[in-house]
Amino acid sequence: DYIFIVLSVPALKILDDLGIRYSIIYPDTSMLDVIIERSKKRGNNDAMVRLLRDNLSNHTEIDLMKNILKCDSYIYMKGDDYIENLVERGDIWKTV
């Protein structure tokens, strides 16, 4: 079975503590402009857009996750991918 949850280190740490296996889907740094544009179109405020830009530009968030979490795999979205594209192609299911 699979569920999709928000990318939150505290939530993922709980999965670790419970022994639940998971993968993280994260945008490749090449998607920075695409992600920022999508965020603006969704109506996110300037603070959220800055946070996204900072996290994707300097790898802070993903590096933190790699250092403290017990994730099975990291799946990097590229180009103009959406999670639904990864599901339709079967990319998610191949990594778990």
Protein backbone atom coordinates (compact mmCIF):
# COMPACT_ATOMS: atom_id res chain seq x y z
CA ASP A 1 0.00 0.00 0.00
CA TYR A 2 1.10 3.56 -0.63
CA ILE A 3 0.18 6.93 0.84
CA PHE A 4 1.36 10.40 -0.07
CA ILE A 5 2.08 12.83 2.77
CA VAL A 6 3.50 16.31 3.03
CA LEU A 7 7.29 16.51 3.06
CA SER A 8 7.91 17.16 6.75
CA VAL A 9 10.99 16.00 8.64
CA PRO A 10 9.06 15.53 11.93
CA ALA A 11 6.38 13.44 10.16
CA LEU A 12 8.99 11.34 8.36
CA LYS A 13 10.90 10.84 11.62
CA ILE A 14 7.72 9.31 13.07
CA LEU A 15 7.63 6.88 10.12
CA ASP A 16 11.26 6.00 10.91
CA ASP A 17 10.43 5.42 14.57
CA LEU A 18 7.53 3.15 13.59
CA GLY A 19 9.67 1.19 11.12
CA ILE A 20 7.54 2.23 8.14
CA ARG A 21 9.38 2.19 4.81
CA TYR A 22 9.04 5.20 2.54
CA SER A 23 10.53 7.05 -0.40
CA ILE A 24 10.88 10.79 -0.84
CA ILE A 25 9.93 12.53 -4.08
CA TYR A 26 11.86 15.75 -4.48
CA PRO A 27 12.38 18.16 -7.37
CA ASP A 28 15.80 18.13 -9.01
CA THR A 29 17.59 21.47 -8.75
CA SER A 30 17.08 21.88 -12.51
CA MET A 31 13.36 22.38 -11.73
CA LEU A 32 13.91 25.49 -9.59
CA ASP A 33 12.26 27.95 -12.01
CA VAL A 34 9.38 25.55 -12.73
CA ILE A 35 8.69 24.96 -9.03
CA ILE A 36 8.84 28.68 -8.24
CA GLU A 37 6.40 29.47 -11.07
CA ARG A 38 4.00 26.70 -9.93
CA SER A 39 4.17 28.02 -6.39
CA LYS A 40 3.27 31.53 -7.50
CA LYS A 41 0.38 30.24 -9.64
CA ARG A 42 -1.00 28.40 -6.58
CA GLY A 43 -1.05 31.73 -4.75
CA ASN A 44 1.77 31.08 -2.27
CA ASN A 45 3.00 34.21 -0.53
CA ASP A 46 6.47 35.72 -0.99
CA ALA A 47 7.80 34.05 2.18
CA MET A 48 6.86 30.59 0.89
CA VAL A 49 8.38 31.33 -2.52
CA ARG A 50 11.63 32.44 -0.84
CA LEU A 51 11.67 29.30 1.31
CA LEU A 52 11.23 27.09 -1.77
CA ARG A 53 13.93 28.99 -3.65
CA ASP A 54 16.36 28.72 -0.72
CA ASN A 55 15.73 25.02 -0.15
CA LEU A 56 16.05 24.09 -3.81
CA SER A 57 19.01 26.37 -4.49
CA ASN A 58 21.31 25.21 -1.73
CA HIS A 59 20.08 21.66 -0.96
CA THR A 60 19.52 22.55 2.72
CA GLU A 61 16.28 20.60 3.11
CA ILE A 62 17.29 17.49 1.17
CA ASP A 63 20.73 17.36 2.82
CA LEU A 64 19.09 17.52 6.24
CA MET A 65 16.75 14.68 5.32
CA LYS A 66 19.58 12.52 3.99
CA ASN A 67 21.52 13.02 7.23
CA ILE A 68 18.77 12.19 9.73
CA LEU A 69 16.13 10.06 8.01
CA LYS A 70 16.03 6.36 7.10
CA CYS A 71 14.44 6.82 3.69
CA ASP A 72 14.49 3.82 1.32
CA SER A 73 15.02 5.94 -1.78
CA TYR A 74 14.98 9.44 -3.16
CA ILE A 75 13.13 10.01 -6.42
CA TYR A 76 14.07 13.23 -8.17
CA MET A 77 11.53 14.87 -10.46
CA LYS A 78 13.02 16.45 -13.56
CA GLY A 79 11.90 18.70 -16.38
CA ASP A 80 8.28 19.65 -15.94
CA ASP A 81 7.28 16.49 -14.05
CA TYR A 82 4.44 16.26 -11.58
CA ILE A 83 4.04 13.43 -9.05
CA GLU A 84 1.14 12.10 -11.11
CA ASN A 85 3.53 11.68 -14.08
CA LEU A 86 5.83 9.56 -11.95
CA VAL A 87 2.89 7.41 -10.85
CA GLU A 88 1.58 6.98 -14.41
CA ARG A 89 5.03 5.96 -15.71
CA GLY A 90 5.57 3.61 -12.77
CA ASP A 91 8.76 5.40 -11.68
CA ILE A 92 7.65 5.47 -8.04
CA TRP A 93 6.88 1.79 -7.75
CA LYS A 94 10.26 0.70 -9.18
CA THR A 95 12.22 2.30 -6.34
CA VAL A 96 10.52 0.91 -3.24
